[in-house]
């Protein structure tokens, strides 16, 4: 399960508890879950960018190999 899926699962579990949405504890949980969601999205963006960089490096290595050979 990916991090984004885990965060979504955790949000679903929290909503299913049926806690008082106006309590300080629930408000804190919502802020924490939103923060985790933001972190997971940022991490996914970083992973996507890393994959693109790796693909670019692979392409560059192939071009260099062709030029040498």
Protein backbone atom coordinates (compact mmCIF):
# COMPACT_ATOMS: atom_id res chain seq x y z
CA UNK A 1 0.00 0.00 0.00
CA UNK A 2 1.38 3.40 -0.99
CA UNK A 3 1.72 6.22 1.52
CA UNK A 4 -1.16 8.20 -0.01
CA UNK A 5 -3.38 5.13 0.26
CA UNK A 6 -2.39 4.64 3.89
CA UNK A 7 -3.22 8.24 4.72
CA UNK A 8 -6.60 7.91 2.99
CA UNK A 9 -7.25 4.67 4.90
CA UNK A 10 -6.35 6.38 8.19
CA UNK A 11 -8.71 9.27 7.39
CA UNK A 12 -11.50 6.78 6.72
CA UNK A 13 -10.86 5.02 10.02
CA UNK A 14 -10.91 8.31 11.89
CA UNK A 15 -14.17 9.37 10.26
CA UNK A 16 -15.70 6.00 11.09
CA UNK A 17 -15.07 6.50 14.79
CA UNK A 18 -17.97 8.90 14.99
CA UNK A 19 -16.16 11.28 17.32
CA UNK A 20 -17.45 14.76 18.13
CA UNK A 21 -16.13 16.92 15.29
CA UNK A 22 -16.02 19.94 17.60
CA UNK A 23 -13.72 18.42 20.21
CA UNK A 24 -10.16 19.70 20.47
CA UNK A 25 -8.79 16.19 20.03
CA UNK A 26 -10.65 15.63 16.77
CA UNK A 27 -9.57 19.02 15.45
CA UNK A 28 -5.97 18.10 16.24
CA UNK A 29 -6.37 14.73 14.50
CA UNK A 30 -7.72 16.46 11.38
CA UNK A 31 -4.77 18.85 11.28
CA UNK A 32 -2.34 15.96 11.73
CA UNK A 33 -4.01 13.93 8.98
CA UNK A 34 -3.99 16.91 6.62
CA UNK A 35 -0.29 17.38 7.34
CA UNK A 36 0.40 13.71 6.64
CA UNK A 37 -1.54 14.01 3.40
CA UNK A 38 0.55 17.04 2.37
CA UNK A 39 3.78 15.22 3.21
CA UNK A 40 2.68 12.15 1.25
CA UNK A 41 1.84 14.31 -1.79
CA UNK A 42 5.22 16.05 -1.61
CA UNK A 43 6.97 12.71 -1.33
CA UNK A 44 5.10 11.41 -4.36
CA UNK A 45 6.13 14.51 -6.33
CA UNK A 46 9.76 13.96 -5.34
CA UNK A 47 9.58 10.31 -6.39
CA UNK A 48 8.04 11.26 -9.73
CA UNK A 49 10.75 13.85 -10.37
CA UNK A 50 13.44 11.34 -9.41
CA UNK A 51 12.03 8.85 -11.90
CA UNK A 52 12.07 11.47 -14.64
CA UNK A 53 15.69 12.32 -13.84
CA UNK A 54 16.64 8.65 -13.90
CA UNK A 55 14.99 8.23 -17.30
CA UNK A 56 16.87 11.27 -18.58
CA UNK A 57 20.16 9.88 -17.32
CA UNK A 58 19.46 6.51 -18.93
CA UNK A 59 18.73 8.24 -22.24
CA UNK A 60 21.88 10.31 -21.97
CA UNK A 61 23.97 7.21 -21.25
CA UNK A 62 22.48 5.45 -24.28
CA UNK A 63 23.25 8.43 -26.53
CA UNK A 64 26.81 8.59 -25.25
CA UNK A 65 27.25 4.87 -25.81
CA UNK A 66 25.99 5.21 -29.37
CA UNK A 67 28.32 8.14 -30.07
CA UNK A 68 31.31 6.23 -28.69
CA UNK A 69 30.55 3.03 -30.52
